[in-house]
All heavy atoms as atom14 arrays in JSON, in Angstrom:
{
  "sequence": "DNAKNTVYLQMNSLKPEDTAVYYCNAKLSVLDYWG",
  "atom14_mask": [
    [1, 1, 1, 1, 1, 1, 1, 1, 0, 0, 0, 0, 0, 0],
    [1, 1, 1, 1, 1, 1, 1, 1, 0, 0, 0, 0, 0, 0],
    [1, 1, 1, 1, 1, 0, 0, 0, 0, 0, 0, 0, 0, 0],
    [1, 1, 1, 1, 1, 1, 1, 1, 1, 0, 0, 0, 0, 0],
    [1, 1, 1, 1, 1, 1, 1, 1, 0, 0, 0, 0, 0, 0],
    [1, 1, 1, 1, 1, 1, 1, 0, 0, 0, 0, 0, 0, 0],
    [1, 1, 1, 1, 1, 1, 1, 0, 0, 0, 0, 0, 0, 0],
    [1, 1, 1, 1, 1, 1, 1, 1, 1, 1, 1, 1, 0, 0],
    [1, 1, 1, 1, 1, 1, 1, 1, 0, 0, 0, 0, 0, 0],
    [1, 1, 1, 1, 1, 1, 1, 1, 1, 0, 0, 0, 0, 0],
    [1, 1, 1, 1, 1, 1, 1, 1, 0, 0, 0, 0, 0, 0],
    [1, 1, 1, 1, 1, 1, 1, 1, 0, 0, 0, 0, 0, 0],
    [1, 1, 1, 1, 1, 1, 0, 0, 0, 0, 0, 0, 0, 0],
    [1, 1, 1, 1, 1, 1, 1, 1, 0, 0, 0, 0, 0, 0],
    [1, 1, 1, 1, 1, 1, 1, 1, 1, 0, 0, 0, 0, 0],
    [1, 1, 1, 1, 1, 1, 1, 0, 0, 0, 0, 0, 0, 0],
    [1, 1, 1, 1, 1, 1, 1, 1, 1, 0, 0, 0, 0, 0],
    [1, 1, 1, 1, 1, 1, 1, 1, 0, 0, 0, 0, 0, 0],
    [1, 1, 1, 1, 1, 1, 1, 0, 0, 0, 0, 0, 0, 0],
    [1, 1, 1, 1, 1, 0, 0, 0, 0, 0, 0, 0, 0, 0],
    [1, 1, 1, 1, 1, 1, 1, 0, 0, 0, 0, 0, 0, 0],
    [1, 1, 1, 1, 1, 1, 1, 1, 1, 1, 1, 1, 0, 0],
    [1, 1, 1, 1, 1, 1, 1, 1, 1, 1, 1, 1, 0, 0],
    [1, 1, 1, 1, 1, 1, 0, 0, 0, 0, 0, 0, 0, 0],
    [1, 1, 1, 1, 1, 1, 1, 1, 0, 0, 0, 0, 0, 0],
    [1, 1, 1, 1, 1, 0, 0, 0, 0, 0, 0, 0, 0, 0],
    [1, 1, 1, 1, 1, 1, 1, 1, 1, 0, 0, 0, 0, 0],
    [1, 1, 1, 1, 1, 1, 1, 1, 0, 0, 0, 0, 0, 0],
    [1, 1, 1, 1, 1, 1, 0, 0, 0, 0, 0, 0, 0, 0],
    [1, 1, 1, 1, 1, 1, 1, 0, 0, 0, 0, 0, 0, 0],
    [1, 1, 1, 1, 1, 1, 1, 1, 0, 0, 0, 0, 0, 0],
    [1, 1, 1, 1, 1, 1, 1, 1, 0, 0, 0, 0, 0, 0],
    [1, 1, 1, 1, 1, 1, 1, 1, 1, 1, 1, 1, 0, 0],
    [1, 1, 1, 1, 1, 1, 1, 1, 1, 1, 1, 1, 1, 1],
    [1, 1, 1, 1, 0, 0, 0, 0, 0, 0, 0, 0, 0, 0]
  ],
  "atom14_positions": [
    [[-5.74, -47.76, 18.35], [-5.86, -46.46, 19.0], [-5.41, -45.43, 18.01], [-4.21, -45.23, 17.79], [-5.03, -46.41, 20.28], [-5.28, -45.14, 21.09], [-5.6, -44.08, 20.49], [-5.15, -45.17, 22.34], [0.0, 0.0, 0.0], [0.0, 0.0, 0.0], [0.0, 0.0, 0.0], [0.0, 0.0, 0.0], [0.0, 0.0, 0.0], [0.0, 0.0, 0.0]],
    [[-6.36, -44.78, 17.37], [-6.03, -43.82, 16.31], [-5.22, -42.64, 16.82], [-4.33, -42.13, 16.15], [-7.29, -43.29, 15.64], [-7.99, -44.35, 14.8], [-7.44, -45.45, 14.53], [-9.2, -44.06, 14.32], [0.0, 0.0, 0.0], [0.0, 0.0, 0.0], [0.0, 0.0, 0.0], [0.0, 0.0, 0.0], [0.0, 0.0, 0.0], [0.0, 0.0, 0.0]],
    [[-5.54, -42.2, 18.02], [-4.84, -41.07, 18.61], [-3.36, -41.4, 18.82], [-2.46, -40.5, 18.67], [-5.47, -40.63, 19.91], [0.0, 0.0, 0.0], [0.0, 0.0, 0.0], [0.0, 0.0, 0.0], [0.0, 0.0, 0.0], [0.0, 0.0, 0.0], [0.0, 0.0, 0.0], [0.0, 0.0, 0.0], [0.0, 0.0, 0.0], [0.0, 0.0, 0.0]],
    [[-3.05, -42.63, 19.18], [-1.68, -43.04, 19.41], [-1.02, -43.68, 18.17], [0.14, -44.08, 18.23], [-1.63, -44.03, 20.56], [-2.02, -43.42, 21.91], [-1.89, -44.45, 23.04], [-2.26, -43.86, 24.35], [-2.14, -44.86, 25.46], [0.0, 0.0, 0.0], [0.0, 0.0, 0.0], [0.0, 0.0, 0.0], [0.0, 0.0, 0.0], [0.0, 0.0, 0.0]],
    [[-1.81, -43.82, 17.12], [-1.3, -44.44, 15.88], [-0.71, -45.83, 16.19], [0.35, -46.19, 15.67], [-0.26, -43.57, 15.21], [-0.82, -42.24, 14.75], [-1.88, -42.22, 14.16], [-0.1, -41.17, 15.01], [0.0, 0.0, 0.0], [0.0, 0.0, 0.0], [0.0, 0.0, 0.0], [0.0, 0.0, 0.0], [0.0, 0.0, 0.0], [0.0, 0.0, 0.0]],
    [[-1.44, -46.57, 17.0], [-0.94, -47.86, 17.45], [-2.0, -48.94, 17.34], [-3.18, -48.68, 17.62], [-0.48, -47.74, 18.94], [0.58, -46.78, 19.02], [0.05, -49.1, 19.42], [0.0, 0.0, 0.0], [0.0, 0.0, 0.0], [0.0, 0.0, 0.0], [0.0, 0.0, 0.0], [0.0, 0.0, 0.0], [0.0, 0.0, 0.0], [0.0, 0.0, 0.0]],
    [[-1.6, -50.12, 16.96], [-2.45, -51.29, 16.9], [-1.95, -52.28, 17.92], [-0.74, -52.45, 18.1], [-2.45, -51.91, 15.5], [-3.24, -53.21, 15.49], [-3.06, -50.94, 14.52], [0.0, 0.0, 0.0], [0.0, 0.0, 0.0], [0.0, 0.0, 0.0], [0.0, 0.0, 0.0], [0.0, 0.0, 0.0], [0.0, 0.0, 0.0], [0.0, 0.0, 0.0]],
    [[-2.89, -52.98, 18.57], [-2.55, -53.95, 19.6], [-3.09, -55.32, 19.29], [-4.08, -55.47, 18.59], [-3.14, -53.51, 20.95], [-2.71, -52.13, 21.41], [-3.53, -51.04, 21.14], [-1.53, -51.9, 22.08], [-3.14, -49.75, 21.53], [-1.14, -50.64, 22.48], [-1.96, -49.58, 22.19], [-1.59, -48.31, 22.62], [0.0, 0.0, 0.0], [0.0, 0.0, 0.0]],
    [[-2.44, -56.3, 19.85], [-2.94, -57.64, 19.79], [-2.85, -58.23, 21.21], [-1.77, -58.52, 21.69], [-2.14, -58.55, 18.83], [-2.67, -59.97, 18.68], [-4.03, -59.97, 17.98], [-1.67, -60.83, 17.89], [0.0, 0.0, 0.0], [0.0, 0.0, 0.0], [0.0, 0.0, 0.0], [0.0, 0.0, 0.0], [0.0, 0.0, 0.0], [0.0, 0.0, 0.0]],
    [[-4.0, -58.35, 21.84], [-4.09, -58.94, 23.16], [-4.22, -60.44, 23.0], [-5.15, -60.92, 22.37], [-5.27, -58.38, 23.95], [-5.45, -58.99, 25.34], [-4.32, -58.63, 26.27], [-3.91, -57.48, 26.34], [-3.79, -59.64, 26.96], [0.0, 0.0, 0.0], [0.0, 0.0, 0.0], [0.0, 0.0, 0.0], [0.0, 0.0, 0.0], [0.0, 0.0, 0.0]],
    [[-3.31, -61.18, 23.57], [-3.26, -62.64, 23.43], [-3.43, -63.26, 24.8], [-2.61, -63.09, 25.69], [-1.96, -63.08, 22.8], [-1.65, -62.43, 21.47], [-0.16, -63.08, 20.67], [1.08, -62.49, 21.84], [0.0, 0.0, 0.0], [0.0, 0.0, 0.0], [0.0, 0.0, 0.0], [0.0, 0.0, 0.0], [0.0, 0.0, 0.0], [0.0, 0.0, 0.0]],
    [[-4.53, -64.0, 24.95], [-4.84, -64.71, 26.19], [-4.85, -66.19, 25.96], [-4.94, -66.66, 24.84], [-6.2, -64.26, 26.72], [-6.24, -62.77, 27.08], [-5.27, -62.17, 27.49], [-7.41, -62.18, 26.89], [0.0, 0.0, 0.0], [0.0, 0.0, 0.0], [0.0, 0.0, 0.0], [0.0, 0.0, 0.0], [0.0, 0.0, 0.0], [0.0, 0.0, 0.0]],
    [[-4.77, -66.94, 27.03], [-4.82, -68.39, 26.98], [-3.82, -68.93, 25.95], [-4.19, -69.76, 25.11], [-6.23, -68.89, 26.67], [-7.17, -68.42, 27.62], [0.0, 0.0, 0.0], [0.0, 0.0, 0.0], [0.0, 0.0, 0.0], [0.0, 0.0, 0.0], [0.0, 0.0, 0.0], [0.0, 0.0, 0.0], [0.0, 0.0, 0.0], [0.0, 0.0, 0.0]],
    [[-2.63, -68.45, 26.01], [-1.63, -68.8, 25.01], [-1.25, -70.3, 25.04], [-1.22, -70.91, 26.12], [-0.37, -67.97, 25.2], [-0.5, -66.53, 24.67], [0.57, -65.63, 25.31], [-0.43, -66.49, 23.18], [0.0, 0.0, 0.0], [0.0, 0.0, 0.0], [0.0, 0.0, 0.0], [0.0, 0.0, 0.0], [0.0, 0.0, 0.0], [0.0, 0.0, 0.0]],
    [[-1.03, -70.81, 23.87], [-0.67, -72.21, 23.69], [0.71, -72.33, 23.07], [1.17, -71.42, 22.4], [-1.7, -72.92, 22.8], [-3.16, -72.8, 23.26], [-4.08, -73.39, 22.21], [-5.53, -73.27, 22.64], [-6.45, -73.85, 21.63], [0.0, 0.0, 0.0], [0.0, 0.0, 0.0], [0.0, 0.0, 0.0], [0.0, 0.0, 0.0], [0.0, 0.0, 0.0]],
    [[1.39, -73.45, 23.27], [2.69, -73.63, 22.62], [2.66, -73.42, 21.12], [3.65, -72.93, 20.56], [3.08, -75.08, 23.0], [2.37, -75.3, 24.3], [1.07, -74.56, 24.17], [0.0, 0.0, 0.0], [0.0, 0.0, 0.0], [0.0, 0.0, 0.0], [0.0, 0.0, 0.0], [0.0, 0.0, 0.0], [0.0, 0.0, 0.0], [0.0, 0.0, 0.0]],
    [[1.56, -73.81, 20.47], [1.46, -73.64, 19.03], [1.32, -72.2, 18.58], [1.33, -71.9, 17.4], [0.3, -74.49, 18.44], [-1.02, -74.27, 19.18], [-1.26, -75.38, 20.22], [-0.33, -75.7, 20.99], [-2.4, -75.89, 20.27], [0.0, 0.0, 0.0], [0.0, 0.0, 0.0], [0.0, 0.0, 0.0], [0.0, 0.0, 0.0], [0.0, 0.0, 0.0]],
    [[1.18, -71.26, 19.54], [1.16, -69.85, 19.21], [2.6, -69.3, 19.07], [2.77, -68.16, 18.67], [0.44, -69.05, 20.3], [-1.02, -69.35, 20.37], [-1.67, -69.48, 19.34], [-1.54, -69.45, 21.53], [0.0, 0.0, 0.0], [0.0, 0.0, 0.0], [0.0, 0.0, 0.0], [0.0, 0.0, 0.0], [0.0, 0.0, 0.0], [0.0, 0.0, 0.0]],
    [[3.56, -70.12, 19.37], [4.97, -69.7, 19.24], [5.27, -69.36, 17.79], [5.07, -70.16, 16.89], [5.9, -70.79, 19.74], [5.69, -71.01, 21.13], [7.35, -70.42, 19.51], [0.0, 0.0, 0.0], [0.0, 0.0, 0.0], [0.0, 0.0, 0.0], [0.0, 0.0, 0.0], [0.0, 0.0, 0.0], [0.0, 0.0, 0.0], [0.0, 0.0, 0.0]],
    [[5.75, -68.14, 17.58], [6.06, -67.67, 16.24], [6.63, -66.26, 16.32], [6.62, -65.63, 17.36], [4.77, -67.65, 15.36], [0.0, 0.0, 0.0], [0.0, 0.0, 0.0], [0.0, 0.0, 0.0], [0.0, 0.0, 0.0], [0.0, 0.0, 0.0], [0.0, 0.0, 0.0], [0.0, 0.0, 0.0], [0.0, 0.0, 0.0], [0.0, 0.0, 0.0]],
    [[7.09, -65.79, 15.18], [7.42, -64.4, 15.03], [6.17, -63.69, 14.54], [5.57, -64.09, 13.54], [8.56, -64.16, 14.04], [8.84, -62.64, 13.86], [9.82, -64.86, 14.55], [0.0, 0.0, 0.0], [0.0, 0.0, 0.0], [0.0, 0.0, 0.0], [0.0, 0.0, 0.0], [0.0, 0.0, 0.0], [0.0, 0.0, 0.0], [0.0, 0.0, 0.0]],
    [[5.75, -62.67, 15.23], [4.54, -61.93, 14.91], [4.89, -60.62, 14.19], [5.74, -59.87, 14.67], [3.73, -61.66, 16.16], [3.0, -62.84, 16.69], [3.69, -63.92, 17.28], [1.62, -62.97, 16.57], [3.05, -65.04, 17.73], [0.95, -64.09, 17.05], [1.67, -65.12, 17.61], [1.03, -66.24, 18.07], [0.0, 0.0, 0.0], [0.0, 0.0, 0.0]],
    [[4.22, -60.36, 13.08], [4.47, -59.22, 12.26], [3.27, -58.32, 12.18], [2.13, -58.77, 12.01], [4.85, -59.63, 10.83], [6.09, -60.47, 10.76], [6.01, -61.86, 10.82], [7.34, -59.9, 10.58], [7.18, -62.64, 10.72], [8.48, -60.66, 10.49], [8.39, -62.04, 10.55], [9.51, -62.82, 10.47], [0.0, 0.0, 0.0], [0.0, 0.0, 0.0]],
    [[3.5, -57.03, 12.22], [2.46, -56.02, 12.0], [2.43, -55.68, 10.53], [3.46, -55.54, 9.88], [2.77, -54.79, 12.86], [1.53, -53.51, 12.74], [0.0, 0.0, 0.0], [0.0, 0.0, 0.0], [0.0, 0.0, 0.0], [0.0, 0.0, 0.0], [0.0, 0.0, 0.0], [0.0, 0.0, 0.0], [0.0, 0.0, 0.0], [0.0, 0.0, 0.0]],
    [[1.23, -55.49, 10.0], [1.03, -55.21, 8.59], [0.06, -54.05, 8.41], [-0.96, -53.97, 9.12], [0.54, -56.44, 7.86], [0.09, -56.15, 6.44], [-1.12, -56.1, 6.17], [1.04, -55.96, 5.56], [0.0, 0.0, 0.0], [0.0, 0.0, 0.0], [0.0, 0.0, 0.0], [0.0, 0.0, 0.0], [0.0, 0.0, 0.0], [0.0, 0.0, 0.0]],
    [[0.35, -53.18, 7.47], [-0.57, -52.1, 7.08], [-0.79, -52.22, 5.58], [0.13, -52.27, 4.8], [0.03, -50.74, 7.43], [0.0, 0.0, 0.0], [0.0, 0.0, 0.0], [0.0, 0.0, 0.0], [0.0, 0.0, 0.0], [0.0, 0.0, 0.0], [0.0, 0.0, 0.0], [0.0, 0.0, 0.0], [0.0, 0.0, 0.0], [0.0, 0.0, 0.0]],
    [[-2.07, -52.23, 5.22], [-2.41, -52.45, 3.81], [-3.48, -51.48, 3.38], [-4.47, -51.27, 4.06], [-2.9, -53.88, 3.61], [-3.1, -54.28, 2.17], [-3.66, -55.71, 2.04], [-2.75, -56.7, 2.69], [-1.46, -56.87, 1.94], [0.0, 0.0, 0.0], [0.0, 0.0, 0.0], [0.0, 0.0, 0.0], [0.0, 0.0, 0.0], [0.0, 0.0, 0.0]],
    [[-3.29, -50.9, 2.21], [-4.3, -50.03, 1.56], [-4.1, -50.1, 0.06], [-3.11, -49.59, -0.46], [-4.18, -48.59, 2.08], [-5.18, -47.62, 1.49], [-6.62, -48.0, 1.89], [-4.88, -46.19, 1.92], [0.0, 0.0, 0.0], [0.0, 0.0, 0.0], [0.0, 0.0, 0.0], [0.0, 0.0, 0.0], [0.0, 0.0, 0.0], [0.0, 0.0, 0.0]],
    [[-5.03, -50.78, -0.62], [-4.94, -50.95, -2.05], [-3.6, -51.63, -2.4], [-3.34, -52.73, -1.9], [-5.08, -49.61, -2.76], [-5.16, -49.78, -4.17], [0.0, 0.0, 0.0], [0.0, 0.0, 0.0], [0.0, 0.0, 0.0], [0.0, 0.0, 0.0], [0.0, 0.0, 0.0], [0.0, 0.0, 0.0], [0.0, 0.0, 0.0], [0.0, 0.0, 0.0]],
    [[-2.79, -50.99, -3.2], [-1.5, -51.6, -3.6], [-0.38, -51.33, -2.59], [0.71, -51.87, -2.72], [-1.05, -51.1, -4.97], [-2.07, -51.46, -6.04], [-0.84, -49.58, -4.95], [0.0, 0.0, 0.0], [0.0, 0.0, 0.0], [0.0, 0.0, 0.0], [0.0, 0.0, 0.0], [0.0, 0.0, 0.0], [0.0, 0.0, 0.0], [0.0, 0.0, 0.0]],
    [[-0.68, -50.56, -1.57], [0.31, -50.26, -0.53], [0.31, -51.35, 0.52], [-0.76, -51.76, 1.0], [0.02, -48.91, 0.1], [-0.02, -47.71, -0.85], [-0.38, -46.44, -0.08], [1.28, -47.53, -1.57], [0.0, 0.0, 0.0], [0.0, 0.0, 0.0], [0.0, 0.0, 0.0], [0.0, 0.0, 0.0], [0.0, 0.0, 0.0], [0.0, 0.0, 0.0]],
    [[1.48, -51.85, 0.87], [1.61, -52.96, 1.79], [2.91, -52.81, 2.54], [4.02, -52.9, 1.98], [1.62, -54.26, 0.96], [1.38, -55.5, 1.81], [1.04, -55.36, 2.99], [1.51, -56.59, 1.25], [0.0, 0.0, 0.0], [0.0, 0.0, 0.0], [0.0, 0.0, 0.0], [0.0, 0.0, 0.0], [0.0, 0.0, 0.0], [0.0, 0.0, 0.0]],
    [[2.81, -52.62, 3.85], [3.97, -52.36, 4.7], [4.06, -53.37, 5.83], [3.04, -53.84, 6.36], [3.94, -50.96, 5.25], [3.89, -49.88, 4.2], [2.68, -49.27, 3.89], [5.03, -49.48, 3.5], [2.62, -48.29, 2.9], [4.94, -48.5, 2.53], [3.75, -47.92, 2.22], [3.66, -46.92, 1.26], [0.0, 0.0, 0.0], [0.0, 0.0, 0.0]],
    [[5.3, -53.68, 6.22], [5.54, -54.66, 7.26], [6.53, -54.18, 8.28], [7.47, -53.45, 7.98], [6.08, -55.98, 6.63], [5.13, -56.65, 5.73], [4.93, -56.49, 4.4], [4.17, -57.66, 6.11], [3.97, -57.28, 3.92], [3.47, -58.03, 4.93], [3.87, -58.3, 7.3], [2.49, -58.99, 4.96], [2.88, -59.26, 7.34], [2.2, -59.6, 6.13]],
    [[6.32, -54.61, 9.51], [7.3, -54.4, 10.55], [8.34, -55.49, 10.57], [8.31, -56.43, 9.74], [0.0, 0.0, 0.0], [0.0, 0.0, 0.0], [0.0, 0.0, 0.0], [0.0, 0.0, 0.0], [0.0, 0.0, 0.0], [0.0, 0.0, 0.0], [0.0, 0.0, 0.0], [0.0, 0.0, 0.0], [0.0, 0.0, 0.0], [0.0, 0.0, 0.0]]
  ]
}
């Protein structure tokens, strides 16, 4: 959502193997940022 400057990840039908720490990433050329 560009207006809200927000990215979403909708996760359905979750499985035990989806268990993890999830990180947001922004990348542009040599620029690389992490949450």
